[in-house]
Structure formats: structure tokens, C-alpha cells
Amino acid sequence: MKLPARDIALVATFAALIAVLALPGQLFLFGNSVPITLQTLGVMLAGSILGWKRGLLAVLVLLAMIAVGLPVAAGGRGGLAVFAGPSAGYLVGFALGAAVTGWLVERRLPRYPIAWGFAANVIGGIGAVYLVGIPVQAAVTGTSGLLAVAVASLVFLPGDLLKAAVATVVAAGVHRGYPALAATGPSRADSRLT
């Protein structure tokens, strides 16, 4: 798939944004083995602003950077060992989350209703990420699936709902202010610009 230079720059920028959102630190609550970070906010923004294809590509670039050893995962970690830990499912779930969020947002473009945007961020940025993350965390840590769901709900959900609200407001501003950036893909964006 050949991408225009503008789309390559957007994908790289959002991959960097997701990486940078790991820098403020990580927080472990209630003995959970998976840290709370701001990275899911970046995943939601990538899907909400770039659409499903470019949002997915941004996350795949981030995962590739982690795999080659760059310290862009939570806690400044990198390398293949990150994908064997309890947070591996959440990292892989980031890709699904950005894609689902972007796909849902694209259903309503060029409009971006706030309620729809929030629902897209919750379904993609939380639901899809948890769908992959919780079972992997349970398998790696040897906990029951029910316990993993309960811990994830108690620990992650309040902050993730706040991130979904922030991502919705930011994406609404981007869609309103610069619709060509938020276009659903290279062909649609290019046709709007010409």
C-alpha cells in the first residue's frame, strides 16, 4: 500500500504521540501487573483523527519500534520481551482499538457528533483494547478471567473513560477545524484538497 507523504507524516506523528504518552510515568494500582499510562489516550486520538487505516498504521509503527528495542513502551521498556509480559495483550489491543475507533468515527464523517465520537472511543479505545488485553493478562499472570475483568474494571475503567472524553473533545475540534486532516483516507482526503 502506497501512502502519500502527508499520511506517512501523520502516521509517524501519532506513533510518536502514543510513545510520548508513556513518558509521564506509569502507575500500578491494587497490585496490578499492568501499569496505567496515558497511551490509550493516544490510541483513541489516532483512531478518532486519522481514521481506521492510518490510526492502525500509527499503532503498528509504535509496536515495531517496541519490537526493535526502542524504549517507547511504559516504563521506558523495549524489545521482544515486552510482548511476553502481562501488558502484551493491551499493546496488541492498541492496534484493534485504533482500528475500531477509526472505523466507527468514519461512519459519521464529515460530521463528528460528540455522543457518537465518545461511543467510538469507548467501544474501540476501551472495549477492543480490553478484549485482547484482559485475556492475555489473565493467561500471563495465571489469574482467572473473572478476576482479571474485575481488576481491569476497577483499575483501568475510570481513567479510560476520562481519556475517552478528552479524546472526543480533541477530535471534535480537529474535525471541525481541519476536516482534510480527519478525512477517512488518502483518496478521500486528496479529493477534498483538489
N, C-alpha and C. Protein backbone atom coordinates (compact mmCIF):
# COMPACT_ATOMS: atom_id res chain seq x y z
N MET A 1 0.85 -1.17 0.00
CA MET A 1 0.00 0.00 0.00
C MET A 1 0.89 1.23 0.00
N LYS A 2 0.70 2.09 -0.99
CA LYS A 2 1.49 3.30 -1.10
C LYS A 2 0.74 4.46 -0.45
N LEU A 3 1.40 5.14 0.48
CA LEU A 3 0.80 6.27 1.17
C LEU A 3 1.43 7.58 0.71
N PRO A 4 0.62 8.63 0.58
CA PRO A 4 1.20 9.94 0.30
C PRO A 4 2.09 10.38 1.47
N ALA A 5 3.03 11.27 1.17
CA ALA A 5 3.97 11.74 2.20
C ALA A 5 3.23 12.34 3.40
N ARG A 6 2.14 13.03 3.15
CA ARG A 6 1.37 13.64 4.25
C ARG A 6 0.85 12.56 5.20
N ASP A 7 0.36 11.45 4.66
CA ASP A 7 -0.16 10.38 5.50
C ASP A 7 0.96 9.68 6.27
N ILE A 8 2.11 9.52 5.63
CA ILE A 8 3.26 8.93 6.32
C ILE A 8 3.66 9.82 7.50
N ALA A 9 3.65 11.13 7.28
CA ALA A 9 4.00 12.06 8.37
C ALA A 9 2.97 11.98 9.50
N LEU A 10 1.69 11.87 9.16
CA LEU A 10 0.65 11.77 10.19
C LEU A 10 0.78 10.48 10.99
N VAL A 11 1.03 9.38 10.29
CA VAL A 11 1.20 8.09 10.97
C VAL A 11 2.39 8.16 11.92
N ALA A 12 3.50 8.69 11.45
CA ALA A 12 4.70 8.80 12.29
C ALA A 12 4.44 9.72 13.49
N THR A 13 3.75 10.81 13.26
CA THR A 13 3.46 11.76 14.34
C THR A 13 2.60 11.12 15.43
N PHE A 14 1.58 10.38 15.01
CA PHE A 14 0.72 9.76 16.01
C PHE A 14 1.40 8.57 16.70
N ALA A 15 2.28 7.86 16.00
CA ALA A 15 3.07 6.82 16.66
C ALA A 15 3.94 7.45 17.74
N ALA A 16 4.55 8.59 17.41
CA ALA A 16 5.38 9.30 18.39
C ALA A 16 4.53 9.82 19.54
N LEU A 17 3.33 10.31 19.25
CA LEU A 17 2.44 10.80 20.31
C LEU A 17 2.11 9.69 21.30
N ILE A 18 1.77 8.51 20.78
CA ILE A 18 1.44 7.39 21.67
C ILE A 18 2.66 7.02 22.51
N ALA A 19 3.84 7.04 21.90
CA ALA A 19 5.07 6.73 22.65
C ALA A 19 5.32 7.77 23.73
N VAL A 20 5.15 9.03 23.40
CA VAL A 20 5.40 10.12 24.36
C VAL A 20 4.42 10.04 25.53
N LEU A 21 3.21 9.57 25.28
CA LEU A 21 2.23 9.48 26.36
C LEU A 21 2.57 8.40 27.39
N ALA A 22 3.61 7.63 27.14
CA ALA A 22 4.10 6.69 28.16
C ALA A 22 5.08 7.37 29.10
N LEU A 23 5.61 8.53 28.68
CA LEU A 23 6.67 9.19 29.45
C LEU A 23 6.24 9.78 30.79
N PRO A 24 5.00 10.32 30.92
CA PRO A 24 4.66 10.90 32.21
C PRO A 24 4.79 9.93 33.37
N GLY A 25 4.91 8.67 33.07
CA GLY A 25 5.10 7.67 34.12
C GLY A 25 4.05 6.60 34.05
N GLN A 26 4.20 5.66 34.91
CA GLN A 26 3.26 4.56 34.98
C GLN A 26 2.83 4.40 36.42
N LEU A 27 1.62 3.96 36.59
CA LEU A 27 1.05 3.82 37.93
C LEU A 27 0.50 2.41 38.06
N PHE A 28 0.95 1.71 39.10
CA PHE A 28 0.44 0.38 39.39
C PHE A 28 -0.51 0.49 40.56
N LEU A 29 -1.77 0.11 40.37
CA LEU A 29 -2.75 0.18 41.45
C LEU A 29 -3.22 -1.21 41.85
N PHE A 30 -3.47 -1.39 43.13
CA PHE A 30 -4.03 -2.62 43.69
C PHE A 30 -3.21 -3.84 43.31
N GLY A 31 -1.90 -3.69 43.19
CA GLY A 31 -1.04 -4.81 42.89
C GLY A 31 -1.16 -5.31 41.46
N ASN A 32 -1.77 -4.53 40.61
CA ASN A 32 -1.95 -4.94 39.21
C ASN A 32 -0.60 -5.00 38.51
N SER A 33 -0.42 -5.98 37.64
CA SER A 33 0.87 -6.14 36.95
C SER A 33 0.95 -5.32 35.67
N VAL A 34 -0.15 -4.68 35.27
CA VAL A 34 -0.18 -3.84 34.08
C VAL A 34 -0.31 -2.39 34.54
N PRO A 35 0.60 -1.52 34.11
CA PRO A 35 0.56 -0.13 34.58
C PRO A 35 -0.53 0.70 33.90
N ILE A 36 -0.94 1.73 34.59
CA ILE A 36 -1.82 2.73 34.00
C ILE A 36 -0.93 3.78 33.37
N THR A 37 -1.16 4.07 32.09
CA THR A 37 -0.42 5.12 31.38
C THR A 37 -1.43 5.96 30.60
N LEU A 38 -0.92 6.95 29.91
CA LEU A 38 -1.76 7.78 29.04
C LEU A 38 -1.79 7.28 27.60
N GLN A 39 -1.15 6.15 27.33
CA GLN A 39 -1.03 5.69 25.95
C GLN A 39 -2.37 5.38 25.30
N THR A 40 -3.35 4.92 26.06
CA THR A 40 -4.65 4.65 25.43
C THR A 40 -5.30 5.94 24.92
N LEU A 41 -4.98 7.07 25.53
CA LEU A 41 -5.45 8.35 25.01
C LEU A 41 -4.92 8.56 23.59
N GLY A 42 -3.65 8.26 23.38
CA GLY A 42 -3.06 8.38 22.05
C GLY A 42 -3.68 7.44 21.05
N VAL A 43 -4.00 6.24 21.50
CA VAL A 43 -4.66 5.25 20.63
C VAL A 43 -6.03 5.78 20.19
N MET A 44 -6.79 6.32 21.15
CA MET A 44 -8.11 6.87 20.82
C MET A 44 -7.98 8.05 19.87
N LEU A 45 -7.02 8.92 20.12
CA LEU A 45 -6.81 10.07 19.23
C LEU A 45 -6.41 9.63 17.83
N ALA A 46 -5.56 8.64 17.73
CA ALA A 46 -5.13 8.15 16.42
C ALA A 46 -6.32 7.65 15.61
N GLY A 47 -7.16 6.83 16.23
CA GLY A 47 -8.33 6.34 15.52
C GLY A 47 -9.34 7.43 15.22
N SER A 48 -9.59 8.30 16.19
CA SER A 48 -10.59 9.35 16.03
C SER A 48 -10.21 10.39 15.00
N ILE A 49 -8.94 10.69 14.89
CA ILE A 49 -8.50 11.76 14.00
C ILE A 49 -8.04 11.22 12.65
N LEU A 50 -7.30 10.13 12.65
CA LEU A 50 -6.73 9.63 11.40
C LEU A 50 -7.62 8.64 10.67
N GLY A 51 -8.61 8.08 11.34
CA GLY A 51 -9.42 7.04 10.72
C GLY A 51 -8.80 5.68 10.99
N TRP A 52 -9.48 4.64 10.51
CA TRP A 52 -9.06 3.30 10.91
C TRP A 52 -7.74 2.87 10.29
N LYS A 53 -7.50 3.17 9.02
CA LYS A 53 -6.28 2.68 8.37
C LYS A 53 -5.04 3.38 8.91
N ARG A 54 -5.07 4.70 8.91
CA ARG A 54 -3.89 5.43 9.37
C ARG A 54 -3.71 5.31 10.88
N GLY A 55 -4.83 5.23 11.63
CA GLY A 55 -4.73 5.01 13.07
C GLY A 55 -4.10 3.67 13.39
N LEU A 56 -4.54 2.64 12.66
CA LEU A 56 -3.95 1.30 12.82
C LEU A 56 -2.46 1.33 12.47
N LEU A 57 -2.11 1.98 11.37
CA LEU A 57 -0.70 2.06 10.97
C LEU A 57 0.14 2.76 12.04
N ALA A 58 -0.40 3.80 12.65
CA ALA A 58 0.34 4.51 13.70
C ALA A 58 0.67 3.58 14.86
N VAL A 59 -0.30 2.76 15.25
CA VAL A 59 -0.07 1.82 16.35
C VAL A 59 0.91 0.73 15.91
N LEU A 60 0.79 0.25 14.68
CA LEU A 60 1.73 -0.78 14.20
C LEU A 60 3.16 -0.24 14.16
N VAL A 61 3.32 1.03 13.82
CA VAL A 61 4.65 1.64 13.86
C VAL A 61 5.17 1.66 15.29
N LEU A 62 4.31 2.04 16.24
CA LEU A 62 4.71 2.02 17.65
C LEU A 62 5.14 0.61 18.08
N LEU A 63 4.34 -0.40 17.73
CA LEU A 63 4.67 -1.78 18.11
C LEU A 63 5.98 -2.23 17.47
N ALA A 64 6.23 -1.80 16.24
CA ALA A 64 7.50 -2.14 15.59
C ALA A 64 8.67 -1.47 16.32
N MET A 65 8.47 -0.23 16.75
CA MET A 65 9.54 0.46 17.50
C MET A 65 9.84 -0.27 18.80
N ILE A 66 8.79 -0.74 19.48
CA ILE A 66 9.00 -1.51 20.71
C ILE A 66 9.74 -2.80 20.39
N ALA A 67 9.31 -3.50 19.35
CA ALA A 67 9.90 -4.80 18.99
C ALA A 67 11.38 -4.70 18.68
N VAL A 68 11.81 -3.60 18.04
CA VAL A 68 13.23 -3.46 17.70
C VAL A 68 14.06 -2.94 18.87
N GLY A 69 13.41 -2.70 20.00
CA GLY A 69 14.17 -2.35 21.20
C GLY A 69 14.13 -0.89 21.61
N LEU A 70 13.42 -0.05 20.89
CA LEU A 70 13.34 1.34 21.32
C LEU A 70 12.54 1.43 22.61
N PRO A 71 12.96 2.23 23.56
CA PRO A 71 12.30 2.28 24.87
C PRO A 71 11.05 3.16 24.87
N VAL A 72 10.05 2.75 24.10
CA VAL A 72 8.85 3.58 23.96
C VAL A 72 7.61 2.94 24.59
N ALA A 73 7.76 1.81 25.23
CA ALA A 73 6.66 1.21 25.98
C ALA A 73 6.68 1.80 27.40
N ALA A 74 5.62 1.58 28.13
CA ALA A 74 5.53 2.09 29.50
C ALA A 74 6.76 1.68 30.31
N GLY A 75 7.26 2.60 31.08
CA GLY A 75 8.44 2.34 31.90
C GLY A 75 9.74 2.39 31.11
N GLY A 76 9.71 2.92 29.90
CA GLY A 76 10.92 3.01 29.08
C GLY A 76 11.42 1.66 28.63
N ARG A 77 10.50 0.73 28.44
CA ARG A 77 10.89 -0.62 28.02
C ARG A 77 10.82 -0.75 26.51
N GLY A 78 11.56 -1.68 25.98
CA GLY A 78 11.53 -2.01 24.57
C GLY A 78 12.09 -3.40 24.37
N GLY A 79 11.92 -3.94 23.19
CA GLY A 79 12.42 -5.28 22.88
C GLY A 79 11.29 -6.29 22.87
N LEU A 80 11.60 -7.46 22.35
CA LEU A 80 10.59 -8.50 22.20
C LEU A 80 10.07 -9.02 23.54
N ALA A 81 10.85 -8.87 24.61
CA ALA A 81 10.40 -9.35 25.92
C ALA A 81 9.14 -8.63 26.38
N VAL A 82 8.93 -7.41 25.93
CA VAL A 82 7.72 -6.66 26.30
C VAL A 82 6.48 -7.42 25.85
N PHE A 83 6.59 -8.14 24.72
CA PHE A 83 5.45 -8.86 24.19
C PHE A 83 5.23 -10.22 24.86
N ALA A 84 6.02 -10.51 25.87
CA ALA A 84 5.82 -11.74 26.65
C ALA A 84 5.30 -11.41 28.05
N GLY A 85 5.15 -10.14 28.36
CA GLY A 85 4.71 -9.72 29.69
C GLY A 85 3.20 -9.58 29.80
N PRO A 86 2.71 -9.24 30.98
CA PRO A 86 1.27 -9.13 31.20
C PRO A 86 0.60 -8.00 30.43
N SER A 87 1.36 -7.00 30.00
CA SER A 87 0.74 -5.90 29.24
C SER A 87 0.76 -6.15 27.74
N ALA A 88 1.28 -7.28 27.29
CA ALA A 88 1.39 -7.58 25.86
C ALA A 88 0.04 -7.52 25.16
N GLY A 89 -0.98 -8.07 25.77
CA GLY A 89 -2.30 -8.07 25.16
C GLY A 89 -2.85 -6.68 24.98
N TYR A 90 -2.56 -5.80 25.93
CA TYR A 90 -3.03 -4.42 25.80
C TYR A 90 -2.30 -3.72 24.65
N LEU A 91 -1.01 -3.98 24.51
CA LEU A 91 -0.26 -3.38 23.41
C LEU A 91 -0.81 -3.84 22.06
N VAL A 92 -1.05 -5.13 21.92
CA VAL A 92 -1.62 -5.64 20.68
C VAL A 92 -3.05 -5.11 20.53
N GLY A 93 -3.76 -5.01 21.64
CA GLY A 93 -5.12 -4.47 21.62
C GLY A 93 -5.17 -3.01 21.18
N PHE A 94 -4.06 -2.28 21.35
CA PHE A 94 -4.00 -0.90 20.87
C PHE A 94 -4.30 -0.85 19.37
N ALA A 95 -3.77 -1.81 18.62
CA ALA A 95 -3.98 -1.83 17.16
C ALA A 95 -5.47 -2.02 16.85
N LEU A 96 -6.09 -2.99 17.49
CA LEU A 96 -7.52 -3.21 17.29
C LEU A 96 -8.31 -1.99 17.76
N GLY A 97 -7.92 -1.41 18.88
CA GLY A 97 -8.62 -0.25 19.42
C GLY A 97 -8.60 0.94 18.48
N ALA A 98 -7.44 1.25 17.90
CA ALA A 98 -7.35 2.37 16.96
C ALA A 98 -8.18 2.09 15.71
N ALA A 99 -8.14 0.86 15.23
CA ALA A 99 -8.89 0.50 14.03
C ALA A 99 -10.39 0.58 14.27
N VAL A 100 -10.87 0.03 15.36
CA VAL A 100 -12.31 0.06 15.65
C VAL A 100 -12.78 1.49 15.89
N THR A 101 -12.02 2.26 16.67
CA THR A 101 -12.39 3.66 16.90
C THR A 101 -12.47 4.42 15.59
N GLY A 102 -11.45 4.28 14.76
CA GLY A 102 -11.43 4.97 13.48
C GLY A 102 -12.55 4.55 12.56
N TRP A 103 -12.82 3.26 12.52
CA TRP A 103 -13.90 2.75 11.66
C TRP A 103 -15.24 3.32 12.09
N LEU A 104 -15.49 3.36 13.40
CA LEU A 104 -16.75 3.91 13.89
C LEU A 104 -16.86 5.41 13.60
N VAL A 105 -15.79 6.14 13.81
CA VAL A 105 -15.80 7.58 13.54
C VAL A 105 -16.08 7.83 12.06
N GLU A 106 -15.44 7.05 11.21
CA GLU A 106 -15.61 7.23 9.76
C GLU A 106 -17.05 7.03 9.31
N ARG A 107 -17.85 6.29 10.07
CA ARG A 107 -19.25 6.08 9.70
C ARG A 107 -20.03 7.39 9.71
N ARG A 108 -19.56 8.40 10.44
CA ARG A 108 -20.30 9.66 10.57
C ARG A 108 -19.60 10.86 9.94
N LEU A 109 -18.41 10.66 9.40
CA LEU A 109 -17.71 11.80 8.80
C LEU A 109 -18.44 12.26 7.54
N PRO A 110 -18.45 13.54 7.21
CA PRO A 110 -17.61 14.59 7.77
C PRO A 110 -18.13 15.17 9.08
N ARG A 111 -19.33 14.81 9.49
CA ARG A 111 -19.81 15.28 10.80
C ARG A 111 -19.12 14.45 11.89
N TYR A 112 -19.04 15.04 13.07
CA TYR A 112 -18.47 14.33 14.21
C TYR A 112 -19.35 14.62 15.43
N PRO A 113 -20.49 13.93 15.53
CA PRO A 113 -21.33 14.14 16.71
C PRO A 113 -20.59 13.72 17.98
N ILE A 114 -20.63 14.56 18.99
CA ILE A 114 -19.90 14.30 20.24
C ILE A 114 -20.30 12.95 20.84
N ALA A 115 -21.60 12.67 20.91
CA ALA A 115 -22.05 11.40 21.51
C ALA A 115 -21.51 10.21 20.73
N TRP A 116 -21.53 10.31 19.41
CA TRP A 116 -21.01 9.21 18.57
C TRP A 116 -19.50 9.08 18.76
N GLY A 117 -18.80 10.21 18.80
CA GLY A 117 -17.35 10.18 19.00
C GLY A 117 -16.99 9.54 20.33
N PHE A 118 -17.72 9.90 21.38
CA PHE A 118 -17.45 9.31 22.70
C PHE A 118 -17.72 7.81 22.67
N ALA A 119 -18.84 7.41 22.04
CA ALA A 119 -19.15 5.98 21.95
C ALA A 119 -18.06 5.25 21.17
N ALA A 120 -17.56 5.84 20.09
CA ALA A 120 -16.49 5.22 19.31
C ALA A 120 -15.24 5.04 20.14
N ASN A 121 -14.90 6.05 20.95
CA ASN A 121 -13.71 5.95 21.80
C ASN A 121 -13.89 4.90 22.90
N VAL A 122 -15.09 4.80 23.43
CA VAL A 122 -15.33 3.79 24.48
C VAL A 122 -15.31 2.38 23.87
N ILE A 123 -16.00 2.20 22.75
CA ILE A 123 -16.07 0.86 22.14
C ILE A 123 -14.69 0.43 21.62
N GLY A 124 -14.00 1.33 20.90
CA GLY A 124 -12.71 0.97 20.34
C GLY A 124 -11.57 1.12 21.32
N GLY A 125 -11.46 2.30 21.92
CA GLY A 125 -10.31 2.60 22.77
C GLY A 125 -10.33 1.90 24.12
N ILE A 126 -11.50 1.46 24.54
CA ILE A 126 -11.59 0.72 25.81
C ILE A 126 -11.99 -0.72 25.54
N GLY A 127 -13.17 -0.92 24.94
CA GLY A 127 -13.70 -2.27 24.74
C GLY A 127 -12.79 -3.17 23.93
N ALA A 128 -12.34 -2.67 22.77
CA ALA A 128 -11.50 -3.50 21.90
C ALA A 128 -10.13 -3.78 22.54
N VAL A 129 -9.59 -2.77 23.22
CA VAL A 129 -8.29 -2.96 23.88
C VAL A 129 -8.42 -3.98 25.02
N TYR A 130 -9.48 -3.86 25.81
CA TYR A 130 -9.70 -4.82 26.90
C TYR A 130 -9.96 -6.22 26.36
N LEU A 131 -10.64 -6.31 25.22
CA LEU A 131 -10.98 -7.60 24.63
C LEU A 131 -9.73 -8.45 24.38
N VAL A 132 -8.64 -7.80 24.01
CA VAL A 132 -7.38 -8.51 23.80
C VAL A 132 -6.54 -8.50 25.08
N GLY A 133 -6.51 -7.37 25.75
CA GLY A 133 -5.62 -7.21 26.90
C GLY A 133 -5.94 -8.06 28.11
N ILE A 134 -7.22 -8.14 28.47
CA ILE A 134 -7.60 -8.86 29.69
C ILE A 134 -7.31 -10.35 29.59
N PRO A 135 -7.69 -11.04 28.50
CA PRO A 135 -7.37 -12.47 28.45
C PRO A 135 -5.87 -12.76 28.46
N VAL A 136 -5.08 -11.91 27.78
CA VAL A 136 -3.63 -12.12 27.77
C VAL A 136 -3.06 -11.88 29.16
N GLN A 137 -3.51 -10.81 29.81
CA GLN A 137 -3.04 -10.55 31.17
C GLN A 137 -3.39 -11.71 32.09
N ALA A 138 -4.60 -12.23 31.98
CA ALA A 138 -5.02 -13.37 32.81
C ALA A 138 -4.15 -14.60 32.53
N ALA A 139 -3.85 -14.85 31.27
CA ALA A 139 -3.04 -16.02 30.90
C ALA A 139 -1.61 -15.88 31.40
N VAL A 140 -1.03 -14.70 31.22
CA VAL A 140 0.38 -14.50 31.61
C VAL A 140 0.54 -14.51 33.13
N THR A 141 -0.43 -13.93 33.84
CA THR A 141 -0.31 -13.86 35.31
C THR A 141 -0.91 -15.07 36.00
N GLY A 142 -1.59 -15.93 35.25
CA GLY A 142 -2.18 -17.12 35.86
C GLY A 142 -3.39 -16.83 36.73
N THR A 143 -4.09 -15.73 36.46
CA THR A 143 -5.30 -15.41 37.22
C THR A 143 -6.52 -15.84 36.44
N SER A 144 -7.64 -15.92 37.13
CA SER A 144 -8.87 -16.30 36.43
C SER A 144 -9.33 -15.14 35.57
N GLY A 145 -10.04 -15.46 34.52
CA GLY A 145 -10.57 -14.43 33.63
C GLY A 145 -11.50 -13.48 34.35
N LEU A 146 -12.31 -13.98 35.27
CA LEU A 146 -13.25 -13.15 36.00
C LEU A 146 -12.51 -12.16 36.90
N LEU A 147 -11.46 -12.64 37.57
CA LEU A 147 -10.67 -11.76 38.42
C LEU A 147 -9.98 -10.69 37.58
N ALA A 148 -9.46 -11.06 36.42
CA ALA A 148 -8.80 -10.09 35.54
C ALA A 148 -9.78 -9.02 35.07
N VAL A 149 -11.01 -9.42 34.73
CA VAL A 149 -12.02 -8.45 34.31
C VAL A 149 -12.36 -7.51 35.45
N ALA A 150 -12.52 -8.06 36.65
CA ALA A 150 -12.86 -7.23 37.80
C ALA A 150 -11.76 -6.23 38.11
N VAL A 151 -10.51 -6.68 38.08
CA VAL A 151 -9.39 -5.78 38.36
C VAL A 151 -9.28 -4.71 37.28
N ALA A 152 -9.41 -5.11 36.02
CA ALA A 152 -9.32 -4.15 34.93
C ALA A 152 -10.43 -3.11 35.04
N SER A 153 -11.62 -3.56 35.39
CA SER A 153 -12.73 -2.62 35.52
C SER A 153 -12.48 -1.62 36.64
N LEU A 154 -12.02 -2.11 37.76
CA LEU A 154 -11.79 -1.23 38.90
C LEU A 154 -10.60 -0.31 38.70
N VAL A 155 -9.55 -0.83 38.09
CA VAL A 155 -8.30 -0.08 37.98
C VAL A 155 -8.27 0.80 36.75
N PHE A 156 -8.61 0.26 35.60
CA PHE A 156 -8.43 0.99 34.35
C PHE A 156 -9.63 1.82 33.92
N LEU A 157 -10.84 1.32 34.15
CA LEU A 157 -12.03 1.92 33.55
C LEU A 157 -12.25 3.39 33.91
N PRO A 158 -12.16 3.82 35.16
CA PRO A 158 -12.41 5.24 35.43
C PRO A 158 -11.49 6.18 34.64
N GLY A 159 -10.21 5.89 34.63
CA GLY A 159 -9.27 6.73 33.89
C GLY A 159 -9.48 6.63 32.39
N ASP A 160 -9.80 5.43 31.90
CA ASP A 160 -10.03 5.27 30.47
C ASP A 160 -11.27 6.02 30.00
N LEU A 161 -12.30 6.08 30.84
CA LEU A 161 -13.48 6.88 30.49
C LEU A 161 -13.13 8.36 30.40
N LEU A 162 -12.28 8.82 31.30
CA LEU A 162 -11.82 10.22 31.24
C LEU A 162 -11.00 10.46 29.97
N LYS A 163 -10.13 9.51 29.62
CA LYS A 163 -9.35 9.63 28.38
C LYS A 163 -10.26 9.65 27.16
N ALA A 164 -11.33 8.84 27.18
CA ALA A 164 -12.27 8.83 26.06
C ALA A 164 -12.96 10.19 25.92
N ALA A 165 -13.29 10.81 27.03
CA ALA A 165 -13.91 12.14 26.98
C ALA A 165 -12.93 13.16 26.41
N VAL A 166 -11.68 13.13 26.85
CA VAL A 166 -10.67 14.07 26.35
C VAL A 166 -10.44 13.84 24.86
N ALA A 167 -10.29 12.59 24.45
CA ALA A 167 -10.08 12.28 23.04
C ALA A 167 -11.25 12.75 22.18
N THR A 168 -12.46 12.63 22.69
CA THR A 168 -13.65 13.06 21.96
C THR A 168 -13.63 14.57 21.73
N VAL A 169 -13.32 15.31 22.77
CA VAL A 169 -13.29 16.78 22.66
C VAL A 169 -12.18 17.23 21.71
N VAL A 170 -11.00 16.64 21.83
CA VAL A 170 -9.89 17.00 20.95
C VAL A 170 -10.23 16.65 19.50
N ALA A 171 -10.74 15.44 19.27
CA ALA A 171 -11.07 15.02 17.91
C ALA A 171 -12.16 15.91 17.31
N ALA A 172 -13.14 16.30 18.12
CA ALA A 172 -14.20 17.18 17.63
C ALA A 172 -13.61 18.50 17.13
N GLY A 173 -12.66 19.04 17.88
CA GLY A 173 -12.00 20.27 17.46
C GLY A 173 -11.22 20.11 16.17
N VAL A 174 -10.53 18.98 16.04
CA VAL A 174 -9.75 18.72 14.82
C VAL A 174 -10.68 18.55 13.63
N HIS A 175 -11.73 17.78 13.79
CA HIS A 175 -12.66 17.56 12.69
C HIS A 175 -13.32 18.86 12.25
N ARG A 176 -13.62 19.71 13.21
CA ARG A 176 -14.25 20.99 12.90
C ARG A 176 -13.25 21.95 12.26
N GLY A 177 -12.04 22.00 12.79
CA GLY A 177 -11.06 22.97 12.35
C GLY A 177 -10.28 22.59 11.11
N TYR A 178 -10.07 21.31 10.91
CA TYR A 178 -9.25 20.88 9.78
C TYR A 178 -9.78 19.56 9.23
N PRO A 179 -10.89 19.61 8.52
CA PRO A 179 -11.51 18.36 8.05
C PRO A 179 -10.63 17.56 7.09
N ALA A 180 -9.71 18.19 6.37
CA ALA A 180 -8.84 17.43 5.46
C ALA A 180 -7.92 16.48 6.22
N LEU A 181 -7.50 16.87 7.42
CA LEU A 181 -6.66 16.01 8.25
C LEU A 181 -7.45 14.80 8.72
N ALA A 182 -8.68 15.01 9.04
CA ALA A 182 -9.52 13.96 9.59
C ALA A 182 -10.21 13.12 8.53
N ALA A 183 -9.89 13.36 7.28
CA ALA A 183 -10.52 12.60 6.21
C ALA A 183 -10.26 11.12 6.38
N THR A 184 -11.12 10.31 5.81
CA THR A 184 -11.08 8.88 6.08
C THR A 184 -10.02 8.11 5.34
N GLY A 185 -9.19 8.74 4.61
CA GLY A 185 -8.12 8.00 3.93
C GLY A 185 -7.52 8.83 2.83
N PRO A 186 -6.47 8.34 2.22
CA PRO A 186 -5.76 9.11 1.22
C PRO A 186 -6.64 9.57 0.07
N SER A 187 -7.46 8.70 -0.48
CA SER A 187 -8.22 9.09 -1.66
C SER A 187 -9.27 10.14 -1.33
N ARG A 188 -9.96 9.98 -0.22
CA ARG A 188 -10.98 10.95 0.17
C ARG A 188 -10.34 12.28 0.53
N ALA A 189 -9.25 12.24 1.25
CA ALA A 189 -8.56 13.47 1.65
C ALA A 189 -8.03 14.20 0.42
N ASP A 190 -7.42 13.48 -0.51
CA ASP A 190 -6.87 14.11 -1.69
C ASP A 190 -7.96 14.71 -2.55
N SER A 191 -9.14 14.06 -2.62
CA SER A 191 -10.21 14.62 -3.44
C SER A 191 -10.77 15.89 -2.82
N ARG A 192 -10.73 16.00 -1.52
CA ARG A 192 -11.21 17.21 -0.87
C ARG A 192 -10.25 18.37 -1.08
N LEU A 193 -8.98 18.07 -1.21
CA LEU A 193 -7.97 19.13 -1.32
C LEU A 193 -7.85 19.64 -2.75
N THR A 194 -8.32 18.90 -3.73
CA THR A 194 -8.16 19.34 -5.12
C THR A 194 -9.42 19.96 -5.66
